[in-house]
Amino acid sequence: MMDICQLNFSLPVQAINAGLFVSSGKGTHPDRVFPYFDLIYVRSGVLDIQEAEKAFHVAAGETLLLWPERRHFGTKIYPADLSYFWLHFLIRETPESAGRQSCDVAQHASVSRPDQLAEAFRRFLDDQESGSLEQMTADLLVTLILREAARSHEATGAARHSSISAANRANAYIIAHFHEPITVAEVAEKVGCNPNYLARIFREAYGKTMTDAVHDCRLAYARRLLIEGYQNVDEIARECGFADGGYFRRLFKRAHAMTPLAFRNLYARVHVNSA
């Protein structure tokens, strides 16, 4: 008989469900009160929403955590380019929680590792849609999502001051123009500083080169098109800014250990709602 290692533990969170909202350019966020937490991660566009007396302008790459039993509602019509992940969960209050490590998630934050956060959401959604999502797995994924959110920087206060830095301006330019032919020299010119200096401070701020940042943005957009779109791989490569479809395939396989078509087949099931 094979030996079994049995693990008995409880997690501080209880997953409820999750989804992906894709705007049709009509309507506003519903006016409601939930009995659970609602974490929103905006992938594109801007979500204007208010919780109680506080208004939020949640841009692409930012998260918003809405509290249980607090009224929230949209303050502007959904823009046509808006899409966001949402996650509902509860926090378990148990006596064993005392002395454990904490996870401090800012209510409104700018995500420091958007690809990792999106992948965690996609894993949750894929298993949820296939019917294979067990409660323990769901709770673990929620914990992972919250840990990623906790790595983020607050979108208010000190982070707003840091947004004027050259590295942040360079990253914003890359996010806006990754689908175009783009070079480090061009980004440096737009930011207004020396290319070598910008390359150094960018790597210090983001832990990767600007070229890697461009590739990450292109691959993230490619993943979205593979899952939600109908273009073939070469068309997706061109839309993402890759002139060479073969190079795109090699880069994608190196990053994800599978071809673009294999990725499309694996992640084709997504829980999507729209206005």
Protein backbone atom coordinates (compact mmCIF):
# COMPACT_ATOMS: atom_id res chain seq x y z
CA MET A 1 0.00 0.00 0.00
CA MET A 2 1.30 3.44 -0.92
CA ASP A 3 2.02 5.83 1.95
CA ILE A 4 -0.17 8.95 2.08
CA CYS A 5 0.84 12.33 3.47
CA GLN A 6 -2.36 13.84 4.83
CA LEU A 7 -2.47 17.59 5.41
CA ASN A 8 -5.08 19.07 7.71
CA PHE A 9 -5.27 22.85 7.78
CA SER A 10 -7.75 25.69 7.39
CA LEU A 11 -7.32 28.83 5.31
CA PRO A 12 -8.35 32.31 6.51
CA VAL A 13 -10.48 32.93 3.40
CA GLN A 14 -13.49 31.25 1.85
CA ALA A 15 -13.91 31.59 -1.90
CA ILE A 16 -17.40 32.18 -3.27
CA ASN A 17 -17.10 32.80 -7.01
CA ALA A 18 -15.32 34.89 -9.63
CA GLY A 19 -15.79 36.13 -13.15
CA LEU A 20 -14.66 38.39 -15.96
CA PHE A 21 -16.70 41.46 -16.84
CA VAL A 22 -16.44 42.79 -20.42
CA SER A 23 -18.25 46.05 -21.15
CA SER A 24 -20.59 46.54 -24.07
CA GLY A 25 -20.34 50.31 -23.61
CA LYS A 26 -23.77 50.60 -21.95
CA GLY A 27 -25.03 50.83 -18.38
CA THR A 28 -23.32 51.52 -15.07
CA HIS A 29 -22.16 49.36 -12.20
CA PRO A 30 -25.22 48.20 -10.20
CA ASP A 31 -26.18 49.84 -6.91
CA ARG A 32 -25.94 47.07 -4.30
CA VAL A 33 -24.68 45.76 -0.98
CA PHE A 34 -22.87 42.41 -0.72
CA PRO A 35 -22.46 40.26 2.41
CA TYR A 36 -18.90 39.45 1.28
CA PHE A 37 -15.72 41.11 -0.01
CA ASP A 38 -15.55 41.99 -3.71
CA LEU A 39 -12.08 42.33 -5.25
CA ILE A 40 -11.95 44.01 -8.67
CA TYR A 41 -8.89 43.95 -10.94
CA VAL A 42 -9.24 46.23 -13.99
CA ARG A 43 -7.50 44.89 -17.10
CA SER A 44 -8.44 47.65 -19.52
CA GLY A 45 -10.36 50.91 -19.48
CA VAL A 46 -11.45 52.72 -16.32
CA LEU A 47 -14.09 51.85 -13.73
CA ASP A 48 -15.69 54.77 -11.87
CA ILE A 49 -17.34 53.48 -8.72
CA GLN A 50 -18.28 54.72 -5.27
CA GLU A 51 -18.36 52.85 -1.94
CA ALA A 52 -20.37 54.62 0.77
CA GLU A 53 -19.08 58.24 0.65
CA LYS A 54 -15.78 57.49 -1.13
CA ALA A 55 -15.39 57.64 -4.92
CA PHE A 56 -12.78 55.65 -6.85
CA HIS A 57 -11.34 56.02 -10.35
CA VAL A 58 -9.89 52.55 -10.99
CA ALA A 59 -7.61 52.45 -14.03
CA ALA A 60 -6.11 49.52 -15.94
CA GLY A 61 -3.60 47.63 -13.79
CA GLU A 62 -5.28 48.63 -10.52
CA THR A 63 -7.29 46.71 -7.92
CA LEU A 64 -10.18 47.82 -5.72
CA LEU A 65 -11.36 45.97 -2.63
CA LEU A 66 -15.01 46.58 -1.70
CA TRP A 67 -16.08 45.79 1.87
CA PRO A 68 -19.05 43.64 2.96
CA GLU A 69 -22.25 45.43 3.98
CA ARG A 70 -21.15 48.69 2.36
CA ARG A 71 -23.22 50.14 -0.46
CA HIS A 72 -21.36 50.56 -3.75
CA PHE A 73 -22.50 51.81 -7.14
CA GLY A 74 -21.19 53.09 -10.46
CA THR A 75 -20.79 56.81 -10.98
CA LYS A 76 -20.26 56.84 -14.76
CA ILE A 77 -21.40 54.81 -17.75
CA TYR A 78 -19.19 51.83 -18.51
CA PRO A 79 -16.62 52.78 -21.20
CA ALA A 80 -16.58 50.46 -24.20
CA ASP A 81 -13.00 49.32 -23.53
CA LEU A 82 -13.60 48.37 -19.87
CA SER A 83 -12.91 44.83 -18.69
CA TYR A 84 -12.13 43.54 -15.23
CA PHE A 85 -11.85 40.40 -13.15
CA TRP A 86 -14.02 40.18 -10.02
CA LEU A 87 -13.74 37.90 -7.02
CA HIS A 88 -16.12 37.34 -4.11
CA PHE A 89 -14.81 35.90 -0.85
CA LEU A 90 -15.28 35.85 2.92
CA ILE A 91 -12.71 36.10 5.71
CA ARG A 92 -12.94 33.42 8.36
CA GLU A 93 -12.49 34.68 11.90
CA THR A 94 -11.07 31.82 13.97
CA PRO A 95 -9.23 31.66 17.32
CA GLU A 96 -6.25 30.07 15.56
CA SER A 97 -5.74 33.23 13.49
CA ALA A 98 -3.88 34.94 16.32
CA GLY A 99 -0.13 35.00 15.76
CA ARG A 100 -0.30 34.12 12.06
CA GLN A 101 1.35 36.18 9.34
CA SER A 102 -0.83 39.01 8.07
CA CYS A 103 -1.65 39.99 4.50
CA ASP A 104 -2.39 43.70 4.19
CA VAL A 105 -4.32 44.51 1.01
CA ALA A 106 -4.76 48.21 0.22
CA GLN A 107 -8.29 49.14 -0.79
CA HIS A 108 -7.13 50.83 -4.01
CA ALA A 109 -3.77 49.74 -5.40
CA SER A 110 -1.58 49.64 -8.49
CA VAL A 111 -0.59 46.05 -9.32
CA SER A 112 3.14 45.36 -9.32
CA ARG A 113 2.93 41.95 -11.08
CA PRO A 114 -0.10 42.11 -13.41
CA ASP A 115 0.71 38.91 -15.33
CA GLN A 116 0.90 36.79 -12.18
CA LEU A 117 -2.35 38.21 -10.85
CA ALA A 118 -4.16 37.64 -14.15
CA GLU A 119 -2.91 34.05 -14.34
CA ALA A 120 -4.23 33.31 -10.83
CA PHE A 121 -7.65 34.67 -11.84
CA ARG A 122 -7.60 32.62 -15.04
CA ARG A 123 -6.78 29.41 -13.16
CA PHE A 124 -9.73 30.07 -10.83
CA LEU A 125 -12.09 30.79 -13.74
CA ASP A 126 -10.96 27.83 -15.82
CA ASP A 127 -11.49 25.35 -12.98
CA GLN A 128 -14.77 27.02 -12.03
CA GLU A 129 -16.14 26.74 -15.56
CA SER A 130 -14.99 23.13 -16.00
CA GLY A 131 -16.67 22.13 -12.73
CA SER A 132 -13.39 20.89 -11.23
CA LEU A 133 -12.89 23.70 -8.71
CA GLU A 134 -12.84 22.17 -5.23
CA GLN A 135 -13.35 24.44 -2.22
CA MET A 136 -9.81 23.99 -0.89
CA THR A 137 -8.32 24.78 -4.31
CA ALA A 138 -10.59 27.82 -4.61
CA ASP A 139 -9.55 29.04 -1.15
CA LEU A 140 -5.87 28.55 -2.02
CA LEU A 141 -6.27 30.53 -5.25
CA VAL A 142 -8.05 33.34 -3.42
CA THR A 143 -5.18 33.41 -0.93
CA LEU A 144 -2.70 33.61 -3.82
CA ILE A 145 -4.69 36.41 -5.49
CA LEU A 146 -4.79 38.38 -2.24
CA ARG A 147 -1.06 37.87 -1.70
CA GLU A 148 -0.41 39.26 -5.19
CA ALA A 149 -2.71 42.20 -4.44
CA ALA A 150 -0.82 42.79 -1.19
CA ARG A 151 2.43 43.18 -3.20
CA SER A 152 0.90 46.14 -4.98
CA HIS A 153 1.51 49.80 -4.24
CA GLU A 154 -1.25 52.03 -2.92
CA ALA A 155 -2.77 54.08 -5.71
CA THR A 156 -3.09 57.07 -3.37
CA GLY A 157 -0.75 58.99 -1.11
CA ALA A 158 2.96 58.15 -1.47
CA ALA A 159 2.46 56.12 -4.65
CA ARG A 160 0.95 59.15 -6.34
CA HIS A 161 4.16 61.07 -5.70
CA SER A 162 6.27 58.20 -7.04
CA SER A 163 4.21 58.13 -10.24
CA ILE A 164 6.12 61.20 -11.44
CA SER A 165 9.35 59.19 -11.55
CA ALA A 166 10.97 58.53 -14.90
CA ALA A 167 10.63 54.77 -14.47
CA ASN A 168 6.88 55.01 -13.93
CA ARG A 169 6.45 57.35 -16.88
CA ALA A 170 8.45 54.94 -19.03
CA ASN A 171 6.29 52.03 -17.91
CA ALA A 172 3.12 54.00 -18.66
CA TYR A 173 4.44 54.79 -22.15
CA ILE A 174 5.25 51.11 -22.76
CA ILE A 175 1.77 50.04 -21.65
CA ALA A 176 0.18 52.56 -24.02
CA HIS A 177 2.43 51.86 -27.04
CA PHE A 178 3.61 48.23 -26.75
CA HIS A 179 1.73 47.27 -29.94
CA GLU A 180 3.83 49.75 -31.96
CA PRO A 181 7.50 49.47 -32.99
CA ILE A 182 9.20 50.68 -29.81
CA THR A 183 12.81 51.04 -28.64
CA VAL A 184 14.53 52.01 -25.40
CA ALA A 185 15.86 55.16 -27.10
CA GLU A 186 12.36 56.18 -28.12
CA VAL A 187 10.98 55.66 -24.60
CA ALA A 188 13.89 57.63 -23.13
CA GLU A 189 13.24 60.49 -25.55
CA LYS A 190 9.55 60.59 -24.60
CA VAL A 191 10.39 60.50 -20.88
CA GLY A 192 13.13 63.08 -21.33
CA CYS A 193 16.22 61.40 -19.91
CA ASN A 194 19.36 59.51 -20.90
CA PRO A 195 18.64 55.97 -22.26
CA ASN A 196 21.31 54.29 -20.10
CA TYR A 197 20.08 56.06 -16.98
CA LEU A 198 16.47 55.18 -17.75
CA ALA A 199 17.37 51.53 -18.39
CA ARG A 200 19.07 51.33 -14.99
CA ILE A 201 16.33 52.96 -12.93
CA PHE A 202 13.64 51.03 -14.79
CA ARG A 203 15.29 47.73 -13.91
CA GLU A 204 15.65 48.85 -10.29
CA ALA A 205 11.97 49.80 -10.13
CA TYR A 206 10.44 46.85 -11.98
CA GLY A 207 13.02 44.09 -11.77
CA LYS A 208 13.25 43.68 -15.54
CA THR A 209 14.51 45.47 -18.62
CA MET A 210 12.33 47.74 -20.73
CA THR A 211 12.57 45.23 -23.58
CA ASP A 212 11.22 42.55 -21.24
CA ALA A 213 8.44 44.95 -20.21
CA VAL A 214 7.47 45.43 -23.87
CA HIS A 215 7.46 41.66 -24.41
CA ASP A 216 5.41 41.13 -21.24
CA CYS A 217 2.78 43.63 -22.41
CA ARG A 218 2.62 42.06 -25.86
CA LEU A 219 2.35 38.53 -24.48
CA ALA A 220 -0.33 39.58 -21.98
CA TYR A 221 -2.38 41.10 -24.81
CA ALA A 222 -1.73 38.01 -26.93
CA ARG A 223 -3.11 35.79 -24.16
CA ARG A 224 -6.23 37.91 -24.02
CA LEU A 225 -6.73 37.71 -27.80
CA LEU A 226 -6.10 33.95 -27.82
CA ILE A 227 -8.81 33.43 -25.21
CA GLU A 228 -11.40 36.00 -26.27
CA GLY A 229 -10.70 36.62 -29.96
CA TYR A 230 -11.00 34.66 -33.20
CA GLN A 231 -7.87 35.74 -35.07
CA ASN A 232 -5.26 33.21 -36.08
CA VAL A 233 -1.84 33.20 -34.44
CA ASP A 234 -0.11 35.29 -37.10
CA GLU A 235 -2.85 37.94 -36.96
CA ILE A 236 -2.56 38.07 -33.17
CA ALA A 237 1.22 38.40 -33.41
CA ARG A 238 0.90 41.43 -35.70
CA GLU A 239 -1.80 43.07 -33.54
CA CYS A 240 0.44 42.70 -30.49
CA GLY A 241 3.40 44.37 -32.21
CA PHE A 242 5.41 41.35 -33.42
CA ALA A 243 6.49 41.67 -37.04
CA ASP A 244 7.62 38.02 -37.11
CA GLY A 245 5.03 35.35 -36.27
CA GLY A 246 7.72 32.74 -35.79
CA TYR A 247 9.54 34.89 -33.22
CA PHE A 248 6.24 35.44 -31.42
CA ARG A 249 5.66 31.67 -31.23
CA ARG A 250 9.16 31.04 -29.86
CA LEU A 251 8.84 33.81 -27.28
CA PHE A 252 5.38 32.64 -26.23
CA LYS A 253 6.51 29.02 -25.81
CA ARG A 254 9.57 30.10 -23.84
CA ALA A 255 7.36 32.15 -21.49
CA HIS A 256 4.49 29.68 -21.08
CA ALA A 257 5.94 26.26 -21.91
CA MET A 258 3.28 25.74 -24.57
CA THR A 259 2.39 27.01 -28.02
CA PRO A 260 -0.17 29.78 -28.53
CA LEU A 261 -2.72 27.28 -29.88
CA ALA A 262 -2.22 24.97 -26.91
CA PHE A 263 -2.78 27.96 -24.61
CA ARG A 264 -5.99 28.86 -26.46
CA ASN A 265 -7.30 25.29 -26.08
CA LEU A 266 -6.41 25.16 -22.39
CA TYR A 267 -7.91 28.50 -21.36
CA ALA A 268 -10.87 28.72 -23.71
CA ARG A 269 -13.45 28.41 -20.89
CA VAL A 270 -13.92 31.72 -19.09
CA HIS A 271 -16.85 32.96 -16.98
CA VAL A 272 -17.71 36.23 -18.75
CA ASN A 273 -20.50 38.68 -17.94
CA SER A 274 -21.20 41.96 -19.70
CA ALA A 275 -23.48 44.93 -19.51
